[in-house]
Every structure is written in C-alpha cells, then in structure tokens.
Amino acid sequence: MRSRMSAIILSVALLSLAAGVAVADINIFDEHMGVTLTLGSSQPDTINGGTYRPFASGTFAPTNHLDTIDYVVNDWYGSWSFTNPNSYSSGSGAGQVPAGGEPYDVEAIYFDDTDSHLMVVIVTSFDPSPGRYENRAAGSPLVVTGDLAIDLRQGDAHVDGFRYNYGVNINFEVQPSDPNDDATSGGTTIGSTLYQTSNDDWYLGTPNYAIDGQGEWTNFDPSYSGFGGTALGATTVSYELWDTRMGGQECRYGTYVIEVLIPRDLLPPLQEGDEISLQWVEGCRNDATGSNAVLHLDGDIDVPEPGTLALTGLGLLGLGWWKRRRRSG
C-alpha cells in the first residue's frame, strides 16, 4: 500500500504542475484511507416536513492503514429550519448540534503520514471559499470559510490550548482592521500555501455571528498589514462536493471533503511519536452551540523521515563496529 500512496502523490504532483496549485481530487480519503461515505435510511424531518437521510452507522471508519490513521468524528444529524437559523432538532444519537444546523456541521477530521507527506482530511457541510451567505439572517451576511491550523507543540499555547504554529491558507478572505468587524470575501479561489504562523497571526473570521467557544481562532490573512508569518511553500488542497459519490445529500445539505497533502520538507524534521494537533472550522466557530465549538484532532507521527532512518542506520552500524572492536580487544 505504501507504493500505491507513492503513486497517488506522484500523480497529484504532476497534476499540480500542469494546473497550478489546485486539483479536483487527491484521493487521500477514499483510496489511501479507505473511507466510503454512505447514507442511512430516511428519517422524518419534523421541522420542514418530508424526510432527511443521516450518514450510515460506521461510515466514517477507515479501512486502510488502521495502525497509523488518527481521526475524530462528531457528526450531527437531525432537522433544521430552511428559514430560521435558530431552529433545529437533533436525531437520536446525534453529535453536538451546530448552531445554525447542518450547514455548519464539521463531521470528522483525519490525519496520516508517509515519509514524504502529511495527509489531512476534513468532512464538513460548510461551503468552500468565500463561505456561506446566511440567507436566513437579515442582509444575508457572509460567514467565511476557515483555514487549517496546525499545532506542532512549538511555543506557548493560545487561550484555547492550541498553538497556531502553522496554517494552510485555504480561504483568501480579507481581514478587517477592526477585530469586531467580519471578514469580507476575497474570492472563490481555494488556497494551498503553507505558512509558519504565531497565535497573533490568527483571528476570528466572523465575530458578529460567532459563539464564544474556547476563544479559538479560525482564519489568518497573509495580506493583512499586521501579519508576521512566513510563507513556506505549496501544499495540494482539494475542496470537493461529495454528494454524487454518496447518492444524495446528508441531512438535506451538501457534504464537502477537504483533502490537504503537505510535503514534510516544508516543516521542521518530525520524529516518530511527535505529537500534532489539527483544527478547522468556519469563521463563526458554529460547529456546536456551547463551549466545545471546534472539532479538534490530536494525533502523532508514525513514519520517520528518510533522513531519520538513515541516521538511525548509521548509529546501529557504529554500535556494531564498536562491539566488534571491543570483542577483538
């Protein structure tokens, strides 16, 4: 399977060179991780009438690389109003209800690594860049799409306990000078550049429609005058609507799969067992109605980089030479 993943990475690299930074499908989720999202049986929609279909039980579980993939699932399903963002009703056994209903649900986050790349997958109902225009609220305000935050345990944590060490700038929203204002649209392009960042480089994208949460940040804007981060290089990002593959909509709204392929040589050397945490959420932190508003994945590195393996081999060779010298002496 490692050779299969190498083939996927090679094909992605060739497509990226031919078509810029974005590709239609990276195939991490289905081919490498072996996840097939399927819908369950219809349930009554108690708010709008008719029925909705939740995800089938167990559909989020990977079937490949079970010894290395880290993932977390908190899928909500139920009825939500098409006209009132504050009206929703959870189905039996559903996860935390997102404020605003299904359009704001972040269902799952996955992580895996090879000796050359880090792989991140996010399953969400939230729309791609620039975000969702909330037509159920006066003036149809824009709630911006979030950026991917990466914590590699460098420096001090933010108030939410997360270290915003690195980020992939998925959305090109425009950060306002006043932190009480909402970010505005920077277009529909999906970004893919990896940046080294600090906690102070991040901000809350849509504060006027956000819940308190734990103070999590959602976005960073490299073009903002106060941004102090550093561009490290290109990743590969896909933000794809998955409904056709599933044969319909989950809970009467679209499902998107975000796949991010990060070259390890853009990051500091990572050793086997090193911890990594990931966060992604829309600019209003609305993946819940209470304090746990952001789905958070804690994982670890399973595959050391080739240089680490080479150094380990040299160390073992040196140890063998020393033992032979000692015996001969």
C-alpha atoms as a PDB file:
ATOM      1  CA  MET A   1       0.000   0.000   0.000  1.00  0.00           C
ATOM      2  CA  ARG A   2       2.962   2.326   0.514  1.00  0.00           C
ATOM      3  CA  SER A   3       3.786   2.067  -3.211  1.00  0.00           C
ATOM      4  CA  ARG A   4       0.129   2.871  -4.004  1.00  0.00           C
ATOM      5  CA  MET A   5       0.349   6.022  -1.887  1.00  0.00           C
ATOM      6  CA  SER A   6       3.572   6.988  -3.669  1.00  0.00           C
ATOM      7  CA  ALA A   7       1.751   6.664  -6.993  1.00  0.00           C
ATOM      8  CA  ILE A   8      -1.064   8.889  -5.732  1.00  0.00           C
ATOM      9  CA  ILE A   9       1.403  11.521  -4.546  1.00  0.00           C
ATOM     10  CA  LEU A  10       3.259  11.419  -7.874  1.00  0.00           C
ATOM     11  CA  SER A  11       0.034  11.846  -9.873  1.00  0.00           C
ATOM     12  CA  VAL A  12      -1.007  14.752  -7.640  1.00  0.00           C
ATOM     13  CA  ALA A  13       2.382  16.430  -8.133  1.00  0.00           C
ATOM     14  CA  LEU A  14       2.108  16.102 -11.919  1.00  0.00           C
ATOM     15  CA  LEU A  15      -1.427  17.498 -11.928  1.00  0.00           C
ATOM     16  CA  SER A  16      -0.334  20.372  -9.712  1.00  0.00           C
ATOM     17  CA  LEU A  17       2.474  21.274 -12.090  1.00  0.00           C
ATOM     18  CA  ALA A  18       0.090  21.160 -15.028  1.00  0.00           C
ATOM     19  CA  ALA A  19      -2.808  23.036 -13.493  1.00  0.00           C
ATOM     20  CA  GLY A  20      -1.408  25.252 -10.724  1.00  0.00           C
ATOM     21  CA  VAL A  21      -1.991  24.655  -7.040  1.00  0.00           C
ATOM     22  CA  ALA A  22      -5.444  23.077  -7.049  1.00  0.00           C
ATOM     23  CA  VAL A  23      -6.563  19.661  -8.271  1.00  0.00           C
ATOM     24  CA  ALA A  24     -10.042  18.167  -8.457  1.00  0.00           C
ATOM     25  CA  ASP A  25      -9.374  15.124  -6.306  1.00  0.00           C
ATOM     26  CA  ILE A  26      -6.336  13.937  -4.353  1.00  0.00           C
ATOM     27  CA  ASN A  27      -7.790  10.517  -3.467  1.00  0.00           C
ATOM     28  CA  ILE A  28      -6.444  10.516   0.086  1.00  0.00           C
ATOM     29  CA  PHE A  29      -9.830   9.925   1.688  1.00  0.00           C
ATOM     30  CA  ASP A  30     -11.180   7.085  -0.406  1.00  0.00           C
ATOM     31  CA  GLU A  31      -8.086   5.379  -1.814  1.00  0.00           C
ATOM     32  CA  HIS A  32      -5.461   5.819   0.906  1.00  0.00           C
ATOM     33  CA  MET A  33      -7.715   5.839   3.977  1.00  0.00           C
ATOM     34  CA  GLY A  34     -10.389   3.594   2.520  1.00  0.00           C
ATOM     35  CA  VAL A  35     -13.370   5.620   3.727  1.00  0.00           C
ATOM     36  CA  THR A  36     -16.611   5.300   1.763  1.00  0.00           C
ATOM     37  CA  LEU A  37     -19.282   7.711   2.950  1.00  0.00           C
ATOM     38  CA  THR A  38     -22.750   6.191   2.644  1.00  0.00           C
ATOM     39  CA  LEU A  39     -26.186   7.402   3.666  1.00  0.00           C
ATOM     40  CA  GLY A  40     -28.514   5.648   6.075  1.00  0.00           C
ATOM     41  CA  SER A  41     -32.265   5.205   5.972  1.00  0.00           C
ATOM     42  CA  SER A  42     -34.662   8.139   5.740  1.00  0.00           C
ATOM     43  CA  GLN A  43     -35.832   9.876   8.920  1.00  0.00           C
ATOM     44  CA  PRO A  44     -38.820  12.222   9.349  1.00  0.00           C
ATOM     45  CA  ASP A  45     -37.985  15.934   9.052  1.00  0.00           C
ATOM     46  CA  THR A  46     -40.005  17.310  11.952  1.00  0.00           C
ATOM     47  CA  ILE A  47     -39.392  20.969  11.049  1.00  0.00           C
ATOM     48  CA  ASN A  48     -39.708  21.233   7.264  1.00  0.00           C
ATOM     49  CA  GLY A  49     -41.757  18.142   6.511  1.00  0.00           C
ATOM     50  CA  GLY A  50     -40.631  15.283   4.323  1.00  0.00           C
ATOM     51  CA  THR A  51     -37.558  13.256   5.279  1.00  0.00           C
ATOM     52  CA  TYR A  52     -33.786  13.528   5.634  1.00  0.00           C
ATOM     53  CA  ARG A  53     -31.036  10.915   5.463  1.00  0.00           C
ATOM     54  CA  PRO A  54     -28.193  10.823   8.016  1.00  0.00           C
ATOM     55  CA  PHE A  55     -24.897   9.082   7.418  1.00  0.00           C
ATOM     56  CA  ALA A  56     -24.988   5.313   7.856  1.00  0.00           C
ATOM     57  CA  SER A  57     -23.639   3.940  11.115  1.00  0.00           C
ATOM     58  CA  GLY A  58     -19.899   3.278  10.970  1.00  0.00           C
ATOM     59  CA  THR A  59     -19.422   5.014   7.621  1.00  0.00           C
ATOM     60  CA  PHE A  60     -16.610   7.257   8.900  1.00  0.00           C
ATOM     61  CA  ALA A  61     -14.309   4.376   9.883  1.00  0.00           C
ATOM     62  CA  PRO A  62     -11.142   3.931   7.768  1.00  0.00           C
ATOM     63  CA  THR A  63     -10.491   0.508   6.277  1.00  0.00           C
ATOM     64  CA  ASN A  64      -6.837   1.050   5.286  1.00  0.00           C
ATOM     65  CA  HIS A  65      -3.766   1.928   7.396  1.00  0.00           C
ATOM     66  CA  LEU A  66      -5.620   1.310  10.645  1.00  0.00           C
ATOM     67  CA  ASP A  67      -2.335   1.267  12.562  1.00  0.00           C
ATOM     68  CA  THR A  68      -1.383   4.833  11.591  1.00  0.00           C
ATOM     69  CA  ILE A  69      -4.523   6.879  10.849  1.00  0.00           C
ATOM     70  CA  ASP A  70      -5.756   9.203  13.602  1.00  0.00           C
ATOM     71  CA  TYR A  71      -9.304  10.503  13.332  1.00  0.00           C
ATOM     72  CA  VAL A  72     -12.141  12.037  15.306  1.00  0.00           C
ATOM     73  CA  VAL A  73     -15.860  12.064  14.464  1.00  0.00           C
ATOM     74  CA  ASN A  74     -18.650  14.248  15.854  1.00  0.00           C
ATOM     75  CA  ASP A  75     -21.409  14.057  13.276  1.00  0.00           C
ATOM     76  CA  TRP A  76     -24.713  15.807  13.939  1.00  0.00           C
ATOM     77  CA  TYR A  77     -27.909  14.857  12.162  1.00  0.00           C
ATOM     78  CA  GLY A  78     -31.494  15.921  12.551  1.00  0.00           C
ATOM     79  CA  SER A  79     -33.970  18.533  11.340  1.00  0.00           C
ATOM     80  CA  TRP A  80     -33.002  22.158  10.783  1.00  0.00           C
ATOM     81  CA  SER A  81     -35.089  25.025   9.517  1.00  0.00           C
ATOM     82  CA  PHE A  82     -34.614  26.339   5.996  1.00  0.00           C
ATOM     83  CA  THR A  83     -35.838  29.786   7.131  1.00  0.00           C
ATOM     84  CA  ASN A  84     -34.826  30.175  10.803  1.00  0.00           C
ATOM     85  CA  PRO A  85     -31.149  29.636  11.746  1.00  0.00           C
ATOM     86  CA  ASN A  86     -32.095  29.140  15.403  1.00  0.00           C
ATOM     87  CA  SER A  87     -34.493  26.255  14.821  1.00  0.00           C
ATOM     88  CA  TYR A  88     -33.168  22.686  14.798  1.00  0.00           C
ATOM     89  CA  SER A  89     -33.935  19.311  16.375  1.00  0.00           C
ATOM     90  CA  SER A  90     -31.364  16.549  16.883  1.00  0.00           C
ATOM     91  CA  GLY A  91     -31.890  12.984  15.764  1.00  0.00           C
ATOM     92  CA  SER A  92     -31.424  10.119  18.209  1.00  0.00           C
ATOM     93  CA  GLY A  93     -27.728   9.587  18.994  1.00  0.00           C
ATOM     94  CA  ALA A  94     -26.524  12.635  17.051  1.00  0.00           C
ATOM     95  CA  GLY A  95     -23.357  14.508  17.980  1.00  0.00           C
ATOM     96  CA  GLN A  96     -23.169  18.115  19.144  1.00  0.00           C
ATOM     97  CA  VAL A  97     -25.701  20.259  17.353  1.00  0.00           C
ATOM     98  CA  PRO A  98     -24.048  23.030  15.301  1.00  0.00           C
ATOM     99  CA  ALA A  99     -25.505  26.500  15.797  1.00  0.00           C
ATOM    100  CA  GLY A 100     -27.412  27.127  12.594  1.00  0.00           C
ATOM    101  CA  GLY A 101     -27.976  23.460  11.850  1.00  0.00           C
ATOM    102  CA  GLU A 102     -26.474  21.170   9.204  1.00  0.00           C
ATOM    103  CA  PRO A 103     -24.791  23.867   7.038  1.00  0.00           C
ATOM    104  CA  TYR A 104     -22.292  24.463   9.875  1.00  0.00           C
ATOM    105  CA  ASP A 105     -21.501  20.862  10.810  1.00  0.00           C
ATOM    106  CA  VAL A 106     -17.897  19.630  10.818  1.00  0.00           C
ATOM    107  CA  GLU A 107     -18.326  15.872  10.865  1.00  0.00           C
ATOM    108  CA  ALA A 108     -14.792  14.458  11.042  1.00  0.00           C
ATOM    109  CA  ILE A 109     -11.049  15.146  10.817  1.00  0.00           C
ATOM    110  CA  TYR A 110      -8.418  12.576   9.753  1.00  0.00           C
ATOM    111  CA  PHE A 111      -4.617  12.529   9.802  1.00  0.00           C
ATOM    112  CA  ASP A 112      -1.963  10.189   8.448  1.00  0.00           C
ATOM    113  CA  ASP A 113       1.662  10.495   7.336  1.00  0.00           C
ATOM    114  CA  THR A 114       4.164   8.898   4.992  1.00  0.00           C
ATOM    115  CA  ASP A 115       7.912   9.502   4.916  1.00  0.00           C
ATOM    116  CA  SER A 116       7.342  12.366   2.454  1.00  0.00           C
ATOM    117  CA  HIS A 117       3.929  13.902   3.213  1.00  0.00           C
ATOM    118  CA  LEU A 118       1.372  14.701   5.889  1.00  0.00           C
ATOM    119  CA  MET A 119      -2.235  14.000   4.932  1.00  0.00           C
ATOM    120  CA  VAL A 120      -5.243  15.814   6.406  1.00  0.00           C
ATOM    121  CA  VAL A 121      -8.913  15.215   5.566  1.00  0.00           C
ATOM    122  CA  ILE A 122     -11.879  17.212   6.849  1.00  0.00           C
ATOM    123  CA  VAL A 123     -15.518  16.244   6.288  1.00  0.00           C
ATOM    124  CA  THR A 124     -17.878  19.201   6.595  1.00  0.00           C
ATOM    125  CA  SER A 125     -21.141  20.645   5.332  1.00  0.00           C
ATOM    126  CA  PHE A 126     -19.697  24.146   5.164  1.00  0.00           C
ATOM    127  CA  ASP A 127     -19.362  25.784   1.764  1.00  0.00           C
ATOM    128  CA  PRO A 128     -15.969  26.473   0.129  1.00  0.00           C
ATOM    129  CA  SER A 129     -14.484  29.934  -0.351  1.00  0.00           C
ATOM    130  CA  PRO A 130     -15.571  32.573   0.277  1.00  0.00           C
ATOM    131  CA  GLY A 131     -18.038  30.835   2.635  1.00  0.00           C
ATOM    132  CA  ARG A 132     -21.783  30.766   3.257  1.00  0.00           C
ATOM    133  CA  TYR A 133     -24.058  33.733   2.734  1.00  0.00           C
ATOM    134  CA  GLU A 134     -26.534  33.152   5.547  1.00  0.00           C
ATOM    135  CA  ASN A 135     -29.798  33.927   3.753  1.00  0.00           C
ATOM    136  CA  ARG A 136     -31.830  33.076   6.843  1.00  0.00           C
ATOM    137  CA  ALA A 137     -30.483  36.212   8.593  1.00  0.00           C
ATOM    138  CA  ALA A 138     -31.162  39.855   7.743  1.00  0.00           C
ATOM    139  CA  GLY A 139     -28.889  41.096   4.976  1.00  0.00           C
ATOM    140  CA  SER A 140     -27.561  37.593   4.170  1.00  0.00           C
ATOM    141  CA  PRO A 141     -24.196  38.142   5.925  1.00  0.00           C
ATOM    142  CA  LEU A 142     -21.128  36.218   4.778  1.00  0.00           C
ATOM    143  CA  VAL A 143     -19.738  33.619   7.188  1.00  0.00           C
ATOM    144  CA  VAL A 144     -16.234  32.924   5.888  1.00  0.00           C
ATOM    145  CA  THR A 145     -14.638  29.549   5.266  1.00  0.00           C
ATOM    146  CA  GLY A 146     -11.876  28.739   7.749  1.00  0.00           C
ATOM    147  CA  ASP A 147      -8.184  27.944   7.331  1.00  0.00           C
ATOM    148  CA  LEU A 148      -6.380  24.790   8.510  1.00  0.00           C
ATOM    149  CA  ALA A 149      -4.457  25.291  11.782  1.00  0.00           C
ATOM    150  CA  ILE A 150      -1.543  23.010  12.785  1.00  0.00           C
ATOM    151  CA  ASP A 151      -0.036  22.692  16.274  1.00  0.00           C
ATOM    152  CA  LEU A 152       3.425  21.087  16.461  1.00  0.00           C
ATOM    153  CA  ARG A 153       3.958  21.953  20.148  1.00  0.00           C
ATOM    154  CA  GLN A 154       6.148  24.987  19.451  1.00  0.00           C
ATOM    155  CA  GLY A 155       5.946  27.921  21.868  1.00  0.00           C
ATOM    156  CA  ASP A 156       3.115  28.966  24.159  1.00  0.00           C
ATOM    157  CA  ALA A 157      -0.491  27.972  23.649  1.00  0.00           C
ATOM    158  CA  HIS A 158      -3.331  30.385  22.914  1.00  0.00           C
ATOM    159  CA  VAL A 159      -6.186  30.689  25.448  1.00  0.00           C
ATOM    160  CA  ASP A 160      -7.891  27.688  23.819  1.00  0.00           C
ATOM    161  CA  GLY A 161      -4.823  25.493  24.498  1.00  0.00           C
ATOM    162  CA  PHE A 162      -3.852  25.365  20.815  1.00  0.00           C
ATOM    163  CA  ARG A 163      -0.557  26.579  19.343  1.00  0.00           C
ATOM    164  CA  TYR A 164      -1.150  28.133  15.946  1.00  0.00           C
ATOM    165  CA  ASN A 165       2.323  27.189  14.671  1.00  0.00           C
ATOM    166  CA  TYR A 166       1.420  26.616  11.034  1.00  0.00           C
ATOM    167  CA  GLY A 167      -1.535  27.144   8.761  1.00  0.00           C
ATOM    168  CA  VAL A 168      -2.738  26.373   5.264  1.00  0.00           C
ATOM    169  CA  ASN A 169      -4.418  29.468   3.825  1.00  0.00           C
ATOM    170  CA  ILE A 170      -7.459  27.753   2.302  1.00  0.00           C
ATOM    171  CA  ASN A 171      -9.615  30.902   2.121  1.00  0.00           C
ATOM    172  CA  PHE A 172      -8.463  34.291   0.812  1.00  0.00           C
ATOM    173  CA  GLU A 173     -10.875  36.280   2.990  1.00  0.00           C
ATOM    174  CA  VAL A 174      -9.915  39.882   3.775  1.00  0.00           C
ATOM    175  CA  GLN A 175      -9.167  40.569   7.448  1.00  0.00           C
ATOM    176  CA  PRO A 176     -10.707  43.827   8.737  1.00  0.00           C
ATOM    177  CA  SER A 177      -8.663  46.356  10.698  1.00  0.00           C
ATOM    178  CA  ASP A 178     -11.282  46.313  13.476  1.00  0.00           C
ATOM    179  CA  PRO A 179     -11.436  42.871  15.169  1.00  0.00           C
ATOM    180  CA  ASN A 180     -15.121  43.449  15.907  1.00  0.00           C
ATOM    181  CA  ASP A 181     -15.924  43.514  12.194  1.00  0.00           C
ATOM    182  CA  ASP A 182     -16.457  40.476   9.998  1.00  0.00           C
ATOM    183  CA  ALA A 183     -14.004  39.451   7.311  1.00  0.00           C
ATOM    184  CA  THR A 184     -15.083  40.063   3.729  1.00  0.00           C
ATOM    185  CA  SER A 185     -14.830  37.944   0.606  1.00  0.00           C
ATOM    186  CA  GLY A 186     -11.504  37.544  -1.158  1.00  0.00           C
ATOM    187  CA  GLY A 187     -12.985  35.473  -3.975  1.00  0.00           C
ATOM    188  CA  THR A 188     -13.735  31.845  -4.642  1.00  0.00           C
ATOM    189  CA  THR A 189     -10.190  30.555  -5.166  1.00  0.00           C
ATOM    190  CA  ILE A 190      -9.085  27.725  -2.852  1.00  0.00           C
ATOM    191  CA  GLY A 191      -5.647  28.497  -1.413  1.00  0.00           C
ATOM    192  CA  SER A 192      -2.887  25.977  -0.723  1.00  0.00           C
ATOM    193  CA  THR A 193       0.152  27.822   0.667  1.00  0.00           C
ATOM    194  CA  LEU A 194       1.591  26.653   3.981  1.00  0.00           C
ATOM    195  CA  TYR A 195       2.691  29.391   6.398  1.00  0.00           C
ATOM    196  CA  GLN A 196       4.605  29.403   9.635  1.00  0.00           C
ATOM    197  CA  THR A 197       2.464  31.491  11.974  1.00  0.00           C
ATOM    198  CA  SER A 198       2.055  32.575  15.584  1.00  0.00           C
ATOM    199  CA  ASN A 199      -1.058  32.830  17.720  1.00  0.00           C
ATOM    200  CA  ASP A 200      -1.171  36.560  16.976  1.00  0.00           C
ATOM    201  CA  ASP A 201      -1.386  35.976  13.222  1.00  0.00           C
ATOM    202  CA  TRP A 202      -4.779  34.291  13.535  1.00  0.00           C
ATOM    203  CA  TYR A 203      -8.181  35.856  14.227  1.00  0.00           C
ATOM    204  CA  LEU A 204     -11.909  35.117  14.389  1.00  0.00           C
ATOM    205  CA  GLY A 205     -13.250  35.485  10.856  1.00  0.00           C
ATOM    206  CA  THR A 206     -16.927  36.216  11.544  1.00  0.00           C
ATOM    207  CA  PRO A 207     -17.209  37.538  15.128  1.00  0.00           C
ATOM    208  CA  ASN A 208     -20.689  39.042  14.788  1.00  0.00           C
ATOM    209  CA  TYR A 209     -22.256  35.640  14.205  1.00  0.00           C
ATOM    210  CA  ALA A 210     -19.881  33.530  16.306  1.00  0.00           C
ATOM    211  CA  ILE A 211     -20.425  31.642  19.527  1.00  0.00           C
ATOM    212  CA  ASP A 212     -17.960  32.028  22.390  1.00  0.00           C
ATOM    213  CA  GLY A 213     -16.379  28.580  22.306  1.00  0.00           C
ATOM    214  CA  GLN A 214     -12.959  28.485  23.989  1.00  0.00           C
ATOM    215  CA  GLY A 215     -11.587  31.507  22.160  1.00  0.00           C
ATOM    216  CA  GLU A 216     -10.467  29.523  19.096  1.00  0.00           C
ATOM    217  CA  TRP A 217      -9.171  31.362  16.047  1.00  0.00           C
ATOM    218  CA  THR A 218     -10.473  30.430  12.599  1.00  0.00           C
ATOM    219  CA  ASN A 219      -8.509  32.366   9.957  1.00  0.00           C
ATOM    220  CA  PHE A 220      -5.323  34.177   9.034  1.00  0.00           C
ATOM    221  CA  ASP A 221      -4.761  36.675   6.217  1.00  0.00           C
ATOM    222  CA  PRO A 222      -1.183  36.870   4.860  1.00  0.00           C
ATOM    223  CA  SER A 223      -2.002  40.149   3.106  1.00  0.00           C
ATOM    224  CA  TYR A 224      -3.039  41.849   6.355  1.00  0.00           C
ATOM    225  CA  SER A 225      -0.689  44.629   7.454  1.00  0.00           C
ATOM    226  CA  GLY A 226      -0.097  43.080  10.879  1.00  0.00           C
ATOM    227  CA  PHE A 227       0.610  39.559   9.649  1.00  0.00           C
ATOM    228  CA  GLY A 228       4.024  38.331  10.803  1.00  0.00           C
ATOM    229  CA  GLY A 229       4.089  34.811   9.390  1.00  0.00           C
ATOM    230  CA  THR A 230       6.299  33.301   6.697  1.00  0.00           C
ATOM    231  CA  ALA A 231       5.269  31.504   3.513  1.00  0.00           C
ATOM    232  CA  LEU A 232       6.926  28.071   3.402  1.00  0.00           C
ATOM    233  CA  GLY A 233       5.677  26.639   0.113  1.00  0.00           C
ATOM    234  CA  ALA A 234       2.818  24.982  -1.729  1.00  0.00           C
ATOM    235  CA  THR A 235       0.673  22.143  -0.471  1.00  0.00           C
ATOM    236  CA  THR A 236      -2.070  20.473  -2.508  1.00  0.00           C
ATOM    237  CA  VAL A 237      -5.664  21.186  -1.473  1.00  0.00           C
ATOM    238  CA  SER A 238      -8.954  19.781  -2.751  1.00  0.00           C
ATOM    239  CA  TYR A 239     -12.363  21.053  -1.508  1.00  0.00           C
ATOM    240  CA  GLU A 240     -14.835  18.751  -3.230  1.00  0.00           C
ATOM    241  CA  LEU A 241     -18.590  18.247  -3.046  1.00  0.00           C
ATOM    242  CA  TRP A 242     -19.138  14.566  -2.229  1.00  0.00           C
ATOM    243  CA  ASP A 243     -22.928  14.253  -2.775  1.00  0.00           C
ATOM    244  CA  THR A 244     -22.750  12.487  -6.138  1.00  0.00           C
ATOM    245  CA  ARG A 245     -20.474   9.803  -4.683  1.00  0.00           C
ATOM    246  CA  MET A 246     -22.892   9.289  -1.775  1.00  0.00           C
ATOM    247  CA  GLY A 247     -26.004   9.231  -3.959  1.00  0.00           C
ATOM    248  CA  GLY A 248     -27.658  12.211  -2.287  1.00  0.00           C
ATOM    249  CA  GLN A 249     -27.416  14.819   0.454  1.00  0.00           C
ATOM    250  CA  GLU A 250     -26.868  14.121   4.140  1.00  0.00           C
ATOM    251  CA  CYS A 251     -29.465  15.968   6.244  1.00  0.00           C
ATOM    252  CA  ARG A 252     -30.674  17.917   3.190  1.00  0.00           C
ATOM    253  CA  TYR A 253     -27.424  19.832   2.658  1.00  0.00           C
ATOM    254  CA  GLY A 254     -24.186  19.275   0.771  1.00  0.00           C
ATOM    255  CA  THR A 255     -21.203  17.349   2.149  1.00  0.00           C
ATOM    256  CA  TYR A 256     -17.695  18.522   1.286  1.00  0.00           C
ATOM    257  CA  VAL A 257     -14.418  16.660   1.718  1.00  0.00           C
ATOM    258  CA  ILE A 258     -11.306  18.823   2.157  1.00  0.00           C
ATOM    259  CA  GLU A 259      -8.070  16.958   1.416  1.00  0.00           C
ATOM    260  CA  VAL A 260      -4.690  18.528   2.175  1.00  0.00           C
ATOM    261  CA  LEU A 261      -1.350  16.990   1.163  1.00  0.00           C
ATOM    262  CA  ILE A 262       1.621  18.690   2.897  1.00  0.00           C
ATOM    263  CA  PRO A 263       5.236  17.959   1.874  1.00  0.00           C
ATOM    264  CA  ARG A 264       7.226  17.178   5.008  1.00  0.00           C
ATOM    265  CA  ASP A 265      10.256  19.061   3.743  1.00  0.00           C
ATOM    266  CA  LEU A 266       8.316  22.311   4.301  1.00  0.00           C
ATOM    267  CA  LEU A 267       8.223  21.589   8.039  1.00  0.00           C
ATOM    268  CA  PRO A 268      10.937  21.035  10.660  1.00  0.00           C
ATOM    269  CA  PRO A 269      12.137  17.417  10.991  1.00  0.00           C
ATOM    270  CA  LEU A 270       9.434  15.258  12.556  1.00  0.00           C
ATOM    271  CA  GLN A 271      10.301  12.134  14.525  1.00  0.00           C
ATOM    272  CA  GLU A 272       8.204   9.065  15.112  1.00  0.00           C
ATOM    273  CA  GLY A 273       5.954   9.725  18.109  1.00  0.00           C
ATOM    274  CA  ASP A 274       5.944  13.531  17.740  1.00  0.00           C
ATOM    275  CA  GLU A 275       2.537  14.980  18.564  1.00  0.00           C
ATOM    276  CA  ILE A 276       0.425  17.009  16.149  1.00  0.00           C
ATOM    277  CA  SER A 277      -2.948  18.695  16.575  1.00  0.00           C
ATOM    278  CA  LEU A 278      -5.286  19.988  13.880  1.00  0.00           C
ATOM    279  CA  GLN A 279      -8.205  22.431  13.864  1.00  0.00           C
ATOM    280  CA  TRP A 280     -10.552  23.576  11.139  1.00  0.00           C
ATOM    281  CA  VAL A 281     -13.862  25.378  11.488  1.00  0.00           C
ATOM    282  CA  GLU A 282     -15.851  28.062   9.732  1.00  0.00           C
ATOM    283  CA  GLY A 283     -15.318  31.710  10.706  1.00  0.00           C
ATOM    284  CA  CYS A 284     -18.120  31.721  13.276  1.00  0.00           C
ATOM    285  CA  ARG A 285     -16.991  28.662  15.301  1.00  0.00           C
ATOM    286  CA  ASN A 286     -20.528  27.295  14.869  1.00  0.00           C
ATOM    287  CA  ASP A 287     -19.756  23.582  14.993  1.00  0.00           C
ATOM    288  CA  ALA A 288     -21.641  23.463  18.310  1.00  0.00           C
ATOM    289  CA  THR A 289     -23.849  25.671  20.454  1.00  0.00           C
ATOM    290  CA  GLY A 290     -21.724  25.573  23.613  1.00  0.00           C
ATOM    291  CA  SER A 291     -18.101  25.791  24.707  1.00  0.00           C
ATOM    292  CA  ASN A 292     -16.854  22.854  22.581  1.00  0.00           C
ATOM    293  CA  ALA A 293     -17.385  24.729  19.339  1.00  0.00           C
ATOM    294  CA  VAL A 294     -14.429  23.422  17.347  1.00  0.00           C
ATOM    295  CA  LEU A 295     -13.659  19.815  16.412  1.00  0.00           C
ATOM    296  CA  HIS A 296     -10.057  19.153  17.400  1.00  0.00           C
ATOM    297  CA  LEU A 297      -7.812  16.235  16.418  1.00  0.00           C
ATOM    298  CA  ASP A 298      -4.786  15.115  18.423  1.00  0.00           C
ATOM    299  CA  GLY A 299      -2.530  12.690  16.555  1.00  0.00           C
ATOM    300  CA  ASP A 300       1.092  11.656  16.219  1.00  0.00           C
ATOM    301  CA  ILE A 301       3.752  10.998  13.615  1.00  0.00           C
ATOM    302  CA  ASP A 302       4.058   7.297  12.765  1.00  0.00           C
ATOM    303  CA  VAL A 303       6.587   7.287   9.927  1.00  0.00           C
ATOM    304  CA  PRO A 304      10.006   8.911  10.454  1.00  0.00           C
ATOM    305  CA  GLU A 305      11.563  10.907   7.634  1.00  0.00           C
ATOM    306  CA  PRO A 306      14.152   9.165   5.396  1.00  0.00           C
ATOM    307  CA  GLY A 307      16.968  11.193   6.942  1.00  0.00           C
ATOM    308  CA  THR A 308      15.994   9.964  10.400  1.00  0.00           C
ATOM    309  CA  LEU A 309      16.041   6.367   9.198  1.00  0.00           C
ATOM    310  CA  ALA A 310      19.467   6.872   7.626  1.00  0.00           C
ATOM    311  CA  LEU A 311      20.889   8.360  10.808  1.00  0.00           C
ATOM    312  CA  THR A 312      19.405   5.517  12.841  1.00  0.00           C
ATOM    313  CA  GLY A 313      21.028   3.009  10.478  1.00  0.00           C
ATOM    314  CA  LEU A 314      24.387   4.728  10.765  1.00  0.00           C
ATOM    315  CA  GLY A 315      24.071   4.691  14.540  1.00  0.00           C
ATOM    316  CA  LEU A 316      23.386   0.961  14.572  1.00  0.00           C
ATOM    317  CA  LEU A 317      26.304   0.345  12.222  1.00  0.00           C
ATOM    318  CA  GLY A 318      28.553   2.368  14.508  1.00  0.00           C
ATOM    319  CA  LEU A 319      27.346   0.423  17.527  1.00  0.00           C
ATOM    320  CA  GLY A 320      28.117  -2.880  15.765  1.00  0.00           C
ATOM    321  CA  TRP A 321      31.617  -1.663  14.826  1.00  0.00           C
ATOM    322  CA  TRP A 322      32.278  -0.602  18.443  1.00  0.00           C
ATOM    323  CA  LYS A 323      31.146  -4.005  19.754  1.00  0.00           C
ATOM    324  CA  ARG A 324      33.388  -5.839  17.297  1.00  0.00           C
ATOM    325  CA  ARG A 325      36.350  -3.659  18.287  1.00  0.00           C
ATOM    326  CA  ARG A 326      35.592  -4.342  21.931  1.00  0.00           C
ATOM    327  CA  ARG A 327      35.417  -8.125  21.408  1.00  0.00           C
ATOM    328  CA  SER A 328      38.614  -8.144  19.354  1.00  0.00           C
ATOM    329  CA  GLY A 329      40.324  -6.088  22.029  1.00  0.00           C
END
